[in-house]
Amino acid sequence: MDSLAELLHRPTISWRDLLDIALVSFLIYELLLLIRGTRAVQMALSGGFLIGLFFLSDWLQLETVNWLIRYLGAYVVVAIIVLFQSDIRRALAHFGRAPFFRYFERATSTDETLEELVIAATTLSARKTGAIIVVERQIGLRNYIEGGIPLDATVTYDLMATIFQRESPLHDGAAIVQGDRVAAAACFLPLSVNPRVSRELGTRHRAAIGLTEENDAVAIVVSEETGIISLAIAGDLERSLTVDSLRIRLRALLGGRRSRRLKSLRTGGASV
């Protein structure tokens, strides 16, 4: 009777306990969404099997099996970090894009820069000139910029058209935009290993998807075969964008702002 009474007598659940359960449930849910459809699912199943085998061996007093699992546990953690470093990096970047952190985001490009990018993409599309333009947002792209050819030039349509000429040595690779300036060109990006990516997509599209899987950058891709304009964001690819739809998406993602030069011109014109 005493044991039954002790079992039925449970401490009162406070709001801290509910908050603790809610946070753990949210983290598990986000983790499951993140690994769904990836190779990490098989790894998670294997880890669950080993954990179950550990408790089973402890219950059945299988000393050798229990010791082997405990001995290999530390090495398994190191192996997971090495084998899944790209997935771990993508997971951390995914949590960094949570809605809470969006309050700290700021506009990174002016309206003029966004318009130059739109004009460049549509013109390259009409010429069926392949191109990939990456726009940095909150997560820095310094490691990719250092691997390319530094430019540090103002974003203009003429510059983009020159970079992606077929005869240009800068044609292969991506151009990375920081704010209102082209930081570097001929930058090589990581290719996506997601098995759900269509096999019809070429190297440029896979590179754009692979980069945006790891950070919050926006990648504009122009197909060399079809001239179709695509937009990669958060590992997803939006295809067959028109001029207007591309402009709207860039303004929504990059939050265009007026440049000081344009403000001064309008202020001067109003005063006259």
C-alpha atoms as a PDB file:
ATOM      1  CA  MET A   1       0.000   0.000   0.000  1.00  0.00           C
ATOM      2  CA  ASP A   2       2.814   2.389   0.827  1.00  0.00           C
ATOM      3  CA  SER A   3       4.460   1.821  -2.552  1.00  0.00           C
ATOM      4  CA  LEU A   4       1.128   2.365  -4.345  1.00  0.00           C
ATOM      5  CA  ALA A   5       0.495   5.567  -2.421  1.00  0.00           C
ATOM      6  CA  GLU A   6       3.991   6.774  -3.220  1.00  0.00           C
ATOM      7  CA  LEU A   7       3.442   6.036  -6.918  1.00  0.00           C
ATOM      8  CA  LEU A   8       0.158   7.922  -6.986  1.00  0.00           C
ATOM      9  CA  HIS A   9       1.579  10.882  -5.079  1.00  0.00           C
ATOM     10  CA  ARG A  10       3.300  12.924  -7.752  1.00  0.00           C
ATOM     11  CA  PRO A  11       4.732  16.426  -7.403  1.00  0.00           C
ATOM     12  CA  THR A  12       2.795  19.329  -8.845  1.00  0.00           C
ATOM     13  CA  ILE A  13       3.721  20.227 -12.430  1.00  0.00           C
ATOM     14  CA  SER A  14       4.871  23.835 -12.619  1.00  0.00           C
ATOM     15  CA  TRP A  15       5.136  26.169 -15.613  1.00  0.00           C
ATOM     16  CA  ARG A  16       8.884  25.479 -15.729  1.00  0.00           C
ATOM     17  CA  ASP A  17       8.201  21.790 -16.312  1.00  0.00           C
ATOM     18  CA  LEU A  18       5.775  22.605 -19.121  1.00  0.00           C
ATOM     19  CA  LEU A  19       8.292  24.992 -20.680  1.00  0.00           C
ATOM     20  CA  ASP A  20      11.011  22.350 -20.412  1.00  0.00           C
ATOM     21  CA  ILE A  21       8.828  19.740 -22.133  1.00  0.00           C
ATOM     22  CA  ALA A  22       7.766  22.191 -24.839  1.00  0.00           C
ATOM     23  CA  LEU A  23      11.360  23.190 -25.660  1.00  0.00           C
ATOM     24  CA  VAL A  24      12.561  19.583 -25.824  1.00  0.00           C
ATOM     25  CA  SER A  25       9.590  18.640 -28.022  1.00  0.00           C
ATOM     26  CA  PHE A  26      10.298  21.568 -30.345  1.00  0.00           C
ATOM     27  CA  LEU A  27      13.978  20.628 -30.680  1.00  0.00           C
ATOM     28  CA  ILE A  28      13.133  16.999 -31.430  1.00  0.00           C
ATOM     29  CA  TYR A  29      10.539  18.072 -33.998  1.00  0.00           C
ATOM     30  CA  GLU A  30      12.976  20.424 -35.746  1.00  0.00           C
ATOM     31  CA  LEU A  31      15.653  17.707 -35.735  1.00  0.00           C
ATOM     32  CA  LEU A  32      13.291  15.209 -37.349  1.00  0.00           C
ATOM     33  CA  LEU A  33      12.316  17.755 -40.015  1.00  0.00           C
ATOM     34  CA  LEU A  34      15.978  18.477 -40.673  1.00  0.00           C
ATOM     35  CA  ILE A  35      17.089  14.872 -41.179  1.00  0.00           C
ATOM     36  CA  ARG A  36      13.993  13.757 -43.086  1.00  0.00           C
ATOM     37  CA  GLY A  37      14.957  12.424 -46.498  1.00  0.00           C
ATOM     38  CA  THR A  38      18.706  12.519 -45.794  1.00  0.00           C
ATOM     39  CA  ARG A  39      21.329   9.901 -44.967  1.00  0.00           C
ATOM     40  CA  ALA A  40      21.164  10.986 -41.321  1.00  0.00           C
ATOM     41  CA  VAL A  41      17.913   9.013 -40.967  1.00  0.00           C
ATOM     42  CA  GLN A  42      19.750   5.706 -41.305  1.00  0.00           C
ATOM     43  CA  MET A  43      22.355   6.940 -38.831  1.00  0.00           C
ATOM     44  CA  ALA A  44      19.638   7.867 -36.334  1.00  0.00           C
ATOM     45  CA  LEU A  45      18.043   4.430 -36.681  1.00  0.00           C
ATOM     46  CA  SER A  46      21.420   2.770 -36.103  1.00  0.00           C
ATOM     47  CA  GLY A  47      21.997   4.941 -33.035  1.00  0.00           C
ATOM     48  CA  GLY A  48      18.582   4.018 -31.665  1.00  0.00           C
ATOM     49  CA  PHE A  49      19.329   0.345 -32.231  1.00  0.00           C
ATOM     50  CA  LEU A  50      22.635   0.611 -30.336  1.00  0.00           C
ATOM     51  CA  ILE A  51      20.975   2.424 -27.434  1.00  0.00           C
ATOM     52  CA  GLY A  52      18.284  -0.243 -27.239  1.00  0.00           C
ATOM     53  CA  LEU A  53      20.929  -2.966 -27.389  1.00  0.00           C
ATOM     54  CA  PHE A  54      22.831  -1.278 -24.569  1.00  0.00           C
ATOM     55  CA  PHE A  55      19.849  -1.323 -22.202  1.00  0.00           C
ATOM     56  CA  LEU A  56      18.936  -4.836 -23.284  1.00  0.00           C
ATOM     57  CA  SER A  57      22.460  -6.083 -22.574  1.00  0.00           C
ATOM     58  CA  ASP A  58      22.385  -4.369 -19.183  1.00  0.00           C
ATOM     59  CA  TRP A  59      19.043  -5.989 -18.341  1.00  0.00           C
ATOM     60  CA  LEU A  60      20.162  -9.459 -19.504  1.00  0.00           C
ATOM     61  CA  GLN A  61      23.610  -8.949 -17.903  1.00  0.00           C
ATOM     62  CA  LEU A  62      25.489  -9.462 -21.151  1.00  0.00           C
ATOM     63  CA  GLU A  63      28.734  -8.003 -19.873  1.00  0.00           C
ATOM     64  CA  THR A  64      30.755  -8.297 -23.084  1.00  0.00           C
ATOM     65  CA  VAL A  65      28.152  -6.610 -25.285  1.00  0.00           C
ATOM     66  CA  ASN A  66      27.560  -3.910 -22.689  1.00  0.00           C
ATOM     67  CA  TRP A  67      31.298  -3.192 -22.346  1.00  0.00           C
ATOM     68  CA  LEU A  68      31.788  -3.101 -26.119  1.00  0.00           C
ATOM     69  CA  ILE A  69      29.002  -0.546 -26.630  1.00  0.00           C
ATOM     70  CA  ARG A  70      30.296   1.637 -23.787  1.00  0.00           C
ATOM     71  CA  TYR A  71      33.863   1.444 -25.111  1.00  0.00           C
ATOM     72  CA  LEU A  72      32.898   2.363 -28.674  1.00  0.00           C
ATOM     73  CA  GLY A  73      30.515   5.142 -27.597  1.00  0.00           C
ATOM     74  CA  ALA A  74      33.165   7.877 -27.472  1.00  0.00           C
ATOM     75  CA  TYR A  75      34.560   6.945 -30.881  1.00  0.00           C
ATOM     76  CA  VAL A  76      31.087   6.876 -32.417  1.00  0.00           C
ATOM     77  CA  VAL A  77      30.529  10.507 -31.381  1.00  0.00           C
ATOM     78  CA  VAL A  78      33.790  11.569 -33.050  1.00  0.00           C
ATOM     79  CA  ALA A  79      32.927   9.571 -36.186  1.00  0.00           C
ATOM     80  CA  ILE A  80      29.507  11.253 -36.403  1.00  0.00           C
ATOM     81  CA  ILE A  81      31.079  14.720 -36.191  1.00  0.00           C
ATOM     82  CA  VAL A  82      33.574  13.884 -38.962  1.00  0.00           C
ATOM     83  CA  LEU A  83      31.159  12.120 -41.308  1.00  0.00           C
ATOM     84  CA  PHE A  84      28.255  14.528 -40.864  1.00  0.00           C
ATOM     85  CA  GLN A  85      30.057  17.844 -40.504  1.00  0.00           C
ATOM     86  CA  SER A  86      28.158  19.345 -43.455  1.00  0.00           C
ATOM     87  CA  ASP A  87      24.812  18.209 -42.008  1.00  0.00           C
ATOM     88  CA  ILE A  88      25.725  19.597 -38.583  1.00  0.00           C
ATOM     89  CA  ARG A  89      26.756  22.908 -40.158  1.00  0.00           C
ATOM     90  CA  ARG A  90      23.472  23.029 -42.065  1.00  0.00           C
ATOM     91  CA  ALA A  91      21.541  22.259 -38.883  1.00  0.00           C
ATOM     92  CA  LEU A  92      23.159  25.107 -36.964  1.00  0.00           C
ATOM     93  CA  ALA A  93      22.483  27.478 -39.847  1.00  0.00           C
ATOM     94  CA  HIS A  94      18.881  26.245 -39.932  1.00  0.00           C
ATOM     95  CA  PHE A  95      18.375  27.094 -36.260  1.00  0.00           C
ATOM     96  CA  GLY A  96      19.995  30.471 -36.908  1.00  0.00           C
ATOM     97  CA  ARG A  97      17.209  31.217 -39.384  1.00  0.00           C
ATOM     98  CA  ALA A  98      14.528  30.782 -36.731  1.00  0.00           C
ATOM     99  CA  PRO A  99      11.792  33.458 -36.697  1.00  0.00           C
ATOM    100  CA  PHE A 100      13.193  34.948 -33.475  1.00  0.00           C
ATOM    101  CA  PHE A 101      16.445  35.967 -35.161  1.00  0.00           C
ATOM    102  CA  ARG A 102      14.637  37.711 -38.027  1.00  0.00           C
ATOM    103  CA  TYR A 103      14.019  40.681 -35.752  1.00  0.00           C
ATOM    104  CA  PHE A 104      17.751  41.381 -35.857  1.00  0.00           C
ATOM    105  CA  GLU A 105      18.010  41.271 -39.659  1.00  0.00           C
ATOM    106  CA  ARG A 106      18.641  44.419 -41.595  1.00  0.00           C
ATOM    107  CA  ALA A 107      18.420  45.436 -45.223  1.00  0.00           C
ATOM    108  CA  THR A 108      21.613  44.554 -47.028  1.00  0.00           C
ATOM    109  CA  SER A 109      21.055  45.943 -50.521  1.00  0.00           C
ATOM    110  CA  THR A 110      19.670  49.158 -51.976  1.00  0.00           C
ATOM    111  CA  ASP A 111      16.830  49.302 -54.475  1.00  0.00           C
ATOM    112  CA  GLU A 112      19.334  50.244 -57.193  1.00  0.00           C
ATOM    113  CA  THR A 113      21.424  47.150 -56.504  1.00  0.00           C
ATOM    114  CA  LEU A 114      18.404  44.861 -56.624  1.00  0.00           C
ATOM    115  CA  GLU A 115      17.319  46.434 -59.901  1.00  0.00           C
ATOM    116  CA  GLU A 116      20.778  45.930 -61.374  1.00  0.00           C
ATOM    117  CA  LEU A 117      20.655  42.272 -60.379  1.00  0.00           C
ATOM    118  CA  VAL A 118      17.222  41.844 -61.945  1.00  0.00           C
ATOM    119  CA  ILE A 119      18.329  43.477 -65.198  1.00  0.00           C
ATOM    120  CA  ALA A 120      21.509  41.414 -65.294  1.00  0.00           C
ATOM    121  CA  ALA A 121      19.656  38.139 -64.701  1.00  0.00           C
ATOM    122  CA  THR A 122      16.973  38.808 -67.316  1.00  0.00           C
ATOM    123  CA  THR A 123      19.508  39.959 -69.927  1.00  0.00           C
ATOM    124  CA  LEU A 124      21.722  36.919 -69.349  1.00  0.00           C
ATOM    125  CA  SER A 125      18.603  34.776 -69.581  1.00  0.00           C
ATOM    126  CA  ALA A 126      17.694  36.272 -72.960  1.00  0.00           C
ATOM    127  CA  ARG A 127      21.201  35.493 -74.218  1.00  0.00           C
ATOM    128  CA  LYS A 128      21.147  32.001 -72.625  1.00  0.00           C
ATOM    129  CA  THR A 129      24.351  32.792 -70.779  1.00  0.00           C
ATOM    130  CA  GLY A 130      24.835  30.632 -67.707  1.00  0.00           C
ATOM    131  CA  ALA A 131      25.386  32.490 -64.448  1.00  0.00           C
ATOM    132  CA  ILE A 132      25.127  32.147 -60.689  1.00  0.00           C
ATOM    133  CA  ILE A 133      24.963  35.240 -58.487  1.00  0.00           C
ATOM    134  CA  VAL A 134      25.022  34.804 -54.711  1.00  0.00           C
ATOM    135  CA  VAL A 135      23.840  37.573 -52.386  1.00  0.00           C
ATOM    136  CA  GLU A 136      25.141  37.426 -48.829  1.00  0.00           C
ATOM    137  CA  ARG A 137      22.668  38.034 -46.009  1.00  0.00           C
ATOM    138  CA  GLN A 138      23.289  37.573 -42.275  1.00  0.00           C
ATOM    139  CA  ILE A 139      25.663  34.588 -42.420  1.00  0.00           C
ATOM    140  CA  GLY A 140      29.042  35.543 -43.882  1.00  0.00           C
ATOM    141  CA  LEU A 141      30.502  33.932 -47.012  1.00  0.00           C
ATOM    142  CA  ARG A 142      34.121  34.877 -46.401  1.00  0.00           C
ATOM    143  CA  ASN A 143      35.475  31.344 -46.870  1.00  0.00           C
ATOM    144  CA  TYR A 144      33.962  31.188 -50.373  1.00  0.00           C
ATOM    145  CA  ILE A 145      35.022  34.731 -51.232  1.00  0.00           C
ATOM    146  CA  GLU A 146      38.642  34.011 -50.348  1.00  0.00           C
ATOM    147  CA  GLY A 147      38.615  31.066 -52.743  1.00  0.00           C
ATOM    148  CA  GLY A 148      37.596  33.272 -55.694  1.00  0.00           C
ATOM    149  CA  ILE A 149      39.040  36.297 -57.465  1.00  0.00           C
ATOM    150  CA  PRO A 150      38.511  39.492 -55.397  1.00  0.00           C
ATOM    151  CA  LEU A 151      36.805  42.408 -57.155  1.00  0.00           C
ATOM    152  CA  ASP A 152      35.261  44.770 -54.562  1.00  0.00           C
ATOM    153  CA  ALA A 153      33.312  46.655 -57.231  1.00  0.00           C
ATOM    154  CA  THR A 154      29.898  48.306 -57.309  1.00  0.00           C
ATOM    155  CA  VAL A 155      27.100  46.046 -58.533  1.00  0.00           C
ATOM    156  CA  THR A 156      26.125  47.017 -62.076  1.00  0.00           C
ATOM    157  CA  TYR A 157      24.573  45.221 -65.004  1.00  0.00           C
ATOM    158  CA  ASP A 158      27.640  45.890 -67.163  1.00  0.00           C
ATOM    159  CA  LEU A 159      29.922  44.265 -64.601  1.00  0.00           C
ATOM    160  CA  MET A 160      27.733  41.177 -64.318  1.00  0.00           C
ATOM    161  CA  ALA A 161      27.506  40.842 -68.095  1.00  0.00           C
ATOM    162  CA  THR A 162      31.296  41.070 -68.325  1.00  0.00           C
ATOM    163  CA  ILE A 163      31.883  38.508 -65.591  1.00  0.00           C
ATOM    164  CA  PHE A 164      29.655  35.882 -67.170  1.00  0.00           C
ATOM    165  CA  GLN A 165      30.788  36.215 -70.771  1.00  0.00           C
ATOM    166  CA  ARG A 166      31.645  32.770 -72.098  1.00  0.00           C
ATOM    167  CA  GLU A 167      35.135  33.973 -73.069  1.00  0.00           C
ATOM    168  CA  SER A 168      35.788  35.486 -69.643  1.00  0.00           C
ATOM    169  CA  PRO A 169      38.026  33.562 -67.203  1.00  0.00           C
ATOM    170  CA  LEU A 170      35.553  34.575 -64.462  1.00  0.00           C
ATOM    171  CA  HIS A 171      32.660  32.796 -66.169  1.00  0.00           C
ATOM    172  CA  ASP A 172      33.119  29.526 -64.271  1.00  0.00           C
ATOM    173  CA  GLY A 173      32.024  29.817 -60.675  1.00  0.00           C
ATOM    174  CA  ALA A 174      29.794  32.243 -58.825  1.00  0.00           C
ATOM    175  CA  ALA A 175      29.834  35.965 -58.229  1.00  0.00           C
ATOM    176  CA  ILE A 176      29.242  36.865 -54.576  1.00  0.00           C
ATOM    177  CA  VAL A 177      27.567  40.143 -53.665  1.00  0.00           C
ATOM    178  CA  GLN A 178      28.033  41.766 -50.258  1.00  0.00           C
ATOM    179  CA  GLY A 179      25.679  44.657 -49.696  1.00  0.00           C
ATOM    180  CA  ASP A 180      26.019  46.855 -52.784  1.00  0.00           C
ATOM    181  CA  ARG A 181      29.368  45.508 -53.993  1.00  0.00           C
ATOM    182  CA  VAL A 182      30.589  42.447 -55.840  1.00  0.00           C
ATOM    183  CA  ALA A 183      33.095  40.970 -53.407  1.00  0.00           C
ATOM    184  CA  ALA A 184      34.523  38.261 -55.677  1.00  0.00           C
ATOM    185  CA  ALA A 185      33.922  36.206 -58.807  1.00  0.00           C
ATOM    186  CA  ALA A 186      34.863  32.698 -59.953  1.00  0.00           C
ATOM    187  CA  CYS A 187      33.977  31.382 -56.494  1.00  0.00           C
ATOM    188  CA  PHE A 188      33.425  27.649 -56.187  1.00  0.00           C
ATOM    189  CA  LEU A 189      30.470  26.498 -54.109  1.00  0.00           C
ATOM    190  CA  PRO A 190      29.663  23.146 -52.467  1.00  0.00           C
ATOM    191  CA  LEU A 191      27.396  20.866 -54.478  1.00  0.00           C
ATOM    192  CA  SER A 192      24.236  19.562 -52.879  1.00  0.00           C
ATOM    193  CA  VAL A 193      24.212  15.873 -51.962  1.00  0.00           C
ATOM    194  CA  ASN A 194      20.471  15.833 -51.299  1.00  0.00           C
ATOM    195  CA  PRO A 195      19.052  12.755 -53.088  1.00  0.00           C
ATOM    196  CA  ARG A 196      15.754  14.576 -53.644  1.00  0.00           C
ATOM    197  CA  VAL A 197      17.363  17.071 -56.021  1.00  0.00           C
ATOM    198  CA  SER A 198      16.289  16.380 -59.593  1.00  0.00           C
ATOM    199  CA  ARG A 199      18.918  14.793 -61.807  1.00  0.00           C
ATOM    200  CA  GLU A 200      17.908  17.166 -64.577  1.00  0.00           C
ATOM    201  CA  LEU A 201      19.574  20.044 -62.732  1.00  0.00           C
ATOM    202  CA  GLY A 202      23.117  20.938 -63.700  1.00  0.00           C
ATOM    203  CA  THR A 203      26.158  21.897 -61.683  1.00  0.00           C
ATOM    204  CA  ARG A 204      25.122  25.550 -61.228  1.00  0.00           C
ATOM    205  CA  HIS A 205      21.764  24.641 -59.757  1.00  0.00           C
ATOM    206  CA  ARG A 206      23.270  22.001 -57.479  1.00  0.00           C
ATOM    207  CA  ALA A 207      25.901  24.479 -56.300  1.00  0.00           C
ATOM    208  CA  ALA A 208      23.237  27.087 -55.543  1.00  0.00           C
ATOM    209  CA  ILE A 209      21.171  24.561 -53.601  1.00  0.00           C
ATOM    210  CA  GLY A 210      24.242  23.248 -51.786  1.00  0.00           C
ATOM    211  CA  LEU A 211      25.290  26.722 -50.653  1.00  0.00           C
ATOM    212  CA  THR A 212      21.840  27.775 -49.462  1.00  0.00           C
ATOM    213  CA  GLU A 213      21.488  24.517 -47.542  1.00  0.00           C
ATOM    214  CA  GLU A 214      24.341  25.669 -45.307  1.00  0.00           C
ATOM    215  CA  ASN A 215      23.499  29.356 -44.819  1.00  0.00           C
ATOM    216  CA  ASP A 216      20.872  32.014 -45.465  1.00  0.00           C
ATOM    217  CA  ALA A 217      22.323  33.354 -48.732  1.00  0.00           C
ATOM    218  CA  VAL A 218      20.180  33.922 -51.829  1.00  0.00           C
ATOM    219  CA  ALA A 219      21.422  32.534 -55.164  1.00  0.00           C
ATOM    220  CA  ILE A 220      20.209  33.632 -58.595  1.00  0.00           C
ATOM    221  CA  VAL A 221      20.834  30.986 -61.263  1.00  0.00           C
ATOM    222  CA  VAL A 222      20.518  31.405 -65.030  1.00  0.00           C
ATOM    223  CA  SER A 223      20.447  28.184 -67.036  1.00  0.00           C
ATOM    224  CA  GLU A 224      22.830  28.042 -69.973  1.00  0.00           C
ATOM    225  CA  GLU A 225      20.681  25.497 -71.835  1.00  0.00           C
ATOM    226  CA  THR A 226      17.207  27.000 -71.418  1.00  0.00           C
ATOM    227  CA  GLY A 227      17.792  30.525 -70.095  1.00  0.00           C
ATOM    228  CA  ILE A 228      15.381  29.840 -67.214  1.00  0.00           C
ATOM    229  CA  ILE A 229      15.924  32.023 -64.137  1.00  0.00           C
ATOM    230  CA  SER A 230      15.839  30.224 -60.788  1.00  0.00           C
ATOM    231  CA  LEU A 231      16.184  31.392 -57.200  1.00  0.00           C
ATOM    232  CA  ALA A 232      17.734  29.194 -54.513  1.00  0.00           C
ATOM    233  CA  ILE A 233      16.889  29.881 -50.894  1.00  0.00           C
ATOM    234  CA  ALA A 234      17.176  27.608 -47.830  1.00  0.00           C
ATOM    235  CA  GLY A 235      17.968  24.593 -50.016  1.00  0.00           C
ATOM    236  CA  ASP A 236      14.865  25.028 -52.186  1.00  0.00           C
ATOM    237  CA  LEU A 237      14.812  26.064 -55.839  1.00  0.00           C
ATOM    238  CA  GLU A 238      12.171  28.368 -57.325  1.00  0.00           C
ATOM    239  CA  ARG A 239      12.243  27.957 -61.096  1.00  0.00           C
ATOM    240  CA  SER A 240      10.914  29.788 -64.169  1.00  0.00           C
ATOM    241  CA  LEU A 241      10.853  33.233 -62.567  1.00  0.00           C
ATOM    242  CA  THR A 242       9.782  36.225 -64.639  1.00  0.00           C
ATOM    243  CA  VAL A 243      11.190  39.737 -64.340  1.00  0.00           C
ATOM    244  CA  ASP A 244       8.429  40.854 -61.994  1.00  0.00           C
ATOM    245  CA  SER A 245       8.442  37.715 -59.856  1.00  0.00           C
ATOM    246  CA  LEU A 246      12.233  37.863 -59.492  1.00  0.00           C
ATOM    247  CA  ARG A 247      12.069  41.523 -58.454  1.00  0.00           C
ATOM    248  CA  ILE A 248       9.333  40.812 -55.902  1.00  0.00           C
ATOM    249  CA  ARG A 249      11.183  37.839 -54.403  1.00  0.00           C
ATOM    250  CA  LEU A 250      14.466  39.737 -54.105  1.00  0.00           C
ATOM    251  CA  ARG A 251      12.763  42.673 -52.412  1.00  0.00           C
ATOM    252  CA  ALA A 252      11.035  40.323 -49.983  1.00  0.00           C
ATOM    253  CA  LEU A 253      14.211  38.391 -49.180  1.00  0.00           C
ATOM    254  CA  LEU A 254      16.762  41.197 -49.201  1.00  0.00           C
ATOM    255  CA  GLY A 255      14.637  44.103 -48.028  1.00  0.00           C
ATOM    256  CA  GLY A 256      15.695  46.780 -50.495  1.00  0.00           C
ATOM    257  CA  ARG A 257      16.390  50.258 -49.118  1.00  0.00           C
ATOM    258  CA  ARG A 258      16.951  53.608 -50.816  1.00  0.00           C
ATOM    259  CA  SER A 259      20.515  54.698 -51.288  1.00  0.00           C
ATOM    260  CA  ARG A 260      21.815  57.958 -49.833  1.00  0.00           C
ATOM    261  CA  ARG A 261      22.515  59.219 -53.359  1.00  0.00           C
ATOM    262  CA  LEU A 262      18.887  58.763 -54.361  1.00  0.00           C
ATOM    263  CA  LYS A 263      17.652  60.364 -51.144  1.00  0.00           C
ATOM    264  CA  SER A 264      19.876  63.413 -51.641  1.00  0.00           C
ATOM    265  CA  LEU A 265      18.698  63.836 -55.228  1.00  0.00           C
ATOM    266  CA  ARG A 266      15.064  63.691 -54.200  1.00  0.00           C
ATOM    267  CA  THR A 267      15.656  66.071 -51.298  1.00  0.00           C
ATOM    268  CA  GLY A 268      17.468  68.529 -53.575  1.00  0.00           C
ATOM    269  CA  GLY A 269      14.717  68.326 -56.170  1.00  0.00           C
ATOM    270  CA  ALA A 270      12.038  69.015 -53.528  1.00  0.00           C
ATOM    271  CA  SER A 271      13.906  72.039 -52.208  1.00  0.00           C
ATOM    272  CA  VAL A 272      14.148  73.555 -55.667  1.00  0.00           C
END
